[in-house]
Amino acid sequence: MKFLIVILLLLMTLNAKTYSTAQVKKEYYKVQEMIKNGELRVKKRGWDGGNILEKSRLYTDKNGIVRFFLIEGGTEDSAHKGEYTYDKNGKLIFSYIRDANVRECLIEIRSYYSGSRLLKRDKKIEKCKAQRIFPLREDNPRKAFREVDND
């Protein structure tokens, strides 16, 4: 029995799609086109905590698989954004995190993934130290989406 489980896990690993950075970019643009064309179902949530606002959108395909997750928030003088793109199997392939404020602080981090492996990470940091930013990896977008209260 254990042998059969090991064989099944091995086959699943071998069948898992691996990506290059170029393929991740292509898949990202494909998902953005699906959003633009209204091919994905969207759920929205928001939270207003007085001076802190947060909203999120969860985009799923016709099979209910998450393809894109967006979370944005901020205050009067700052803005935070996290974008997460998933392949047709619901696996994270790309994240874009942005944090900025009126003091000319800017953090942008683009991360490209193939399975659990990080392919590439591009960082742009100007005039600041790390502030509140969303996670670089969001492997459970449904849970993250539920954590934003409805307004």
Protein backbone atom coordinates (compact mmCIF):
# COMPACT_ATOMS: atom_id res chain seq x y z
CA MET A 1 0.00 0.00 0.00
CA LYS A 2 2.79 2.45 0.93
CA PHE A 3 4.52 1.63 -2.34
CA LEU A 4 1.35 2.51 -4.29
CA ILE A 5 1.07 5.86 -2.50
CA VAL A 6 4.72 6.66 -3.26
CA ILE A 7 4.18 5.79 -6.95
CA LEU A 8 1.06 8.02 -7.11
CA LEU A 9 2.90 10.93 -5.50
CA LEU A 10 5.79 10.46 -7.91
CA LEU A 11 3.43 10.47 -10.90
CA MET A 12 1.73 13.62 -9.63
CA THR A 13 5.12 15.32 -9.28
CA LEU A 14 6.17 14.27 -12.77
CA ASN A 15 2.88 15.54 -14.24
CA ALA A 16 3.10 18.91 -12.45
CA LYS A 17 3.74 21.72 -14.92
CA THR A 18 7.02 23.53 -14.57
CA TYR A 19 7.39 27.10 -15.79
CA SER A 20 10.07 29.43 -17.03
CA THR A 21 9.89 33.15 -16.29
CA ALA A 22 8.71 33.77 -19.89
CA GLN A 23 5.92 31.20 -19.49
CA VAL A 24 4.83 32.80 -16.21
CA LYS A 25 4.59 36.19 -17.94
CA LYS A 26 2.58 34.65 -20.78
CA GLU A 27 0.19 33.00 -18.30
CA TYR A 28 -0.13 36.28 -16.34
CA TYR A 29 -1.21 38.16 -19.48
CA LYS A 30 -3.61 35.35 -20.38
CA VAL A 31 -5.29 35.64 -16.96
CA GLN A 32 -5.45 39.46 -17.28
CA GLU A 33 -7.12 39.04 -20.68
CA MET A 34 -9.64 36.62 -19.13
CA ILE A 35 -10.45 39.24 -16.47
CA LYS A 36 -10.80 41.98 -19.11
CA ASN A 37 -13.14 39.79 -21.20
CA GLY A 38 -15.32 38.88 -18.21
CA GLU A 39 -14.41 35.19 -18.45
CA LEU A 40 -13.71 34.88 -14.73
CA ARG A 41 -16.22 35.09 -11.90
CA VAL A 42 -15.35 37.75 -9.33
CA LYS A 43 -16.17 37.95 -5.64
CA LYS A 44 -15.54 41.21 -3.78
CA ARG A 45 -14.96 41.97 -0.12
CA GLY A 46 -14.07 45.14 1.69
CA TRP A 47 -13.24 46.49 5.10
CA ASP A 48 -13.34 50.03 6.44
CA GLY A 49 -11.56 50.53 9.73
CA GLY A 50 -11.88 54.30 9.84
CA ASN A 51 -8.54 55.53 8.55
CA ILE A 52 -7.54 52.13 7.08
CA LEU A 53 -9.39 50.72 4.08
CA GLU A 54 -8.92 47.31 2.53
CA LYS A 55 -10.64 45.52 -0.32
CA SER A 56 -10.06 42.30 -2.16
CA ARG A 57 -11.24 40.51 -5.29
CA LEU A 58 -11.10 36.79 -5.93
CA TYR A 59 -11.34 35.67 -9.57
CA THR A 60 -12.26 32.06 -10.38
CA ASP A 61 -12.68 30.19 -13.65
CA LYS A 62 -15.71 28.14 -14.72
CA ASN A 63 -14.41 25.17 -12.69
CA GLY A 64 -14.14 27.26 -9.51
CA ILE A 65 -10.33 27.37 -9.61
CA VAL A 66 -8.76 30.61 -8.36
CA ARG A 67 -6.85 32.32 -11.19
CA PHE A 68 -6.26 35.77 -9.69
CA PHE A 69 -6.41 37.36 -6.25
CA LEU A 70 -6.13 41.09 -5.63
CA ILE A 71 -5.93 42.80 -2.27
CA GLU A 72 -5.54 46.56 -1.86
CA GLY A 73 -5.52 48.82 1.13
CA GLY A 74 -4.15 51.96 2.60
CA THR A 75 -4.55 55.07 4.65
CA GLU A 76 -4.64 58.77 3.77
CA ASP A 77 -0.89 58.76 3.12
CA SER A 78 -0.09 55.21 1.98
CA ALA A 79 -1.24 52.52 -0.41
CA HIS A 80 -0.62 48.78 -0.40
CA LYS A 81 -1.36 46.29 -3.15
CA GLY A 82 -0.90 42.55 -3.59
CA GLU A 83 -1.66 40.73 -6.85
CA TYR A 84 -1.42 36.95 -7.11
CA THR A 85 -1.78 34.97 -10.34
CA TYR A 86 -2.50 31.23 -10.42
CA ASP A 87 -2.26 28.65 -13.20
CA LYS A 88 -5.17 26.50 -14.44
CA ASN A 89 -4.55 24.10 -11.52
CA GLY A 90 -4.75 26.88 -8.93
CA LYS A 91 -1.00 26.97 -8.20
CA LEU A 92 0.66 30.33 -7.56
CA ILE A 93 2.90 31.38 -10.46
CA PHE A 94 3.33 35.15 -9.98
CA SER A 95 2.97 37.79 -7.30
CA TYR A 96 3.29 41.56 -7.46
CA ILE A 97 3.49 43.51 -4.20
CA ARG A 98 3.52 47.31 -4.00
CA ASP A 99 3.79 49.58 -0.99
CA ALA A 100 4.05 53.36 -1.29
CA ASN A 101 3.50 56.46 0.80
CA VAL A 102 3.57 60.24 0.44
CA ARG A 103 7.12 60.42 1.77
CA GLU A 104 8.25 59.07 -1.62
CA CYS A 105 8.73 55.57 -0.24
CA LEU A 106 8.14 52.85 -2.82
CA ILE A 107 8.57 49.11 -2.61
CA GLU A 108 7.75 46.85 -5.56
CA ILE A 109 8.47 43.14 -5.57
CA ARG A 110 7.73 40.81 -8.48
CA SER A 111 8.11 37.08 -7.80
CA TYR A 112 7.93 34.31 -10.39
CA TYR A 113 7.21 30.73 -9.26
CA SER A 114 7.23 27.23 -10.67
CA GLY A 115 5.54 25.01 -8.12
CA SER A 116 7.10 25.74 -4.74
CA ARG A 117 10.33 26.95 -6.37
CA LEU A 118 11.11 30.64 -6.74
CA LEU A 119 12.34 31.30 -10.30
CA LYS A 120 13.10 35.00 -10.05
CA ARG A 121 12.46 37.96 -7.79
CA ASP A 122 12.74 41.60 -8.92
CA LYS A 123 12.84 44.30 -6.24
CA LYS A 124 12.57 48.05 -6.49
CA ILE A 125 13.00 49.92 -3.20
CA GLU A 126 13.20 53.72 -3.04
CA LYS A 127 13.77 55.95 -0.02
CA CYS A 128 12.40 53.63 2.63
CA LYS A 129 12.75 50.61 4.78
CA ALA A 130 10.22 47.79 4.57
CA GLN A 131 6.79 48.80 5.78
CA ARG A 132 3.55 46.85 5.89
CA ILE A 133 3.42 44.79 2.75
CA PHE A 134 1.28 41.85 1.79
CA PRO A 135 2.88 38.38 1.72
CA LEU A 136 5.08 37.58 -1.26
CA ARG A 137 3.45 34.14 -1.50
CA GLU A 138 -0.27 33.59 -1.09
CA ASP A 139 -0.92 29.90 -1.55
CA ASN A 140 -4.37 29.98 0.04
CA PRO A 141 -6.21 32.89 -1.61
CA ARG A 142 -9.65 31.69 -0.50
CA LYS A 143 -8.61 31.89 3.16
CA ALA A 144 -6.99 35.32 2.65
CA PHE A 145 -10.15 36.52 0.87
CA ARG A 146 -12.36 35.38 3.78
CA GLU A 147 -10.14 37.28 6.24
CA VAL A 148 -11.18 40.63 4.74
CA ASP A 149 -14.45 41.66 6.39
CA ASN A 150 -17.38 42.70 4.23
CA ASP A 151 -18.29 46.34 4.58
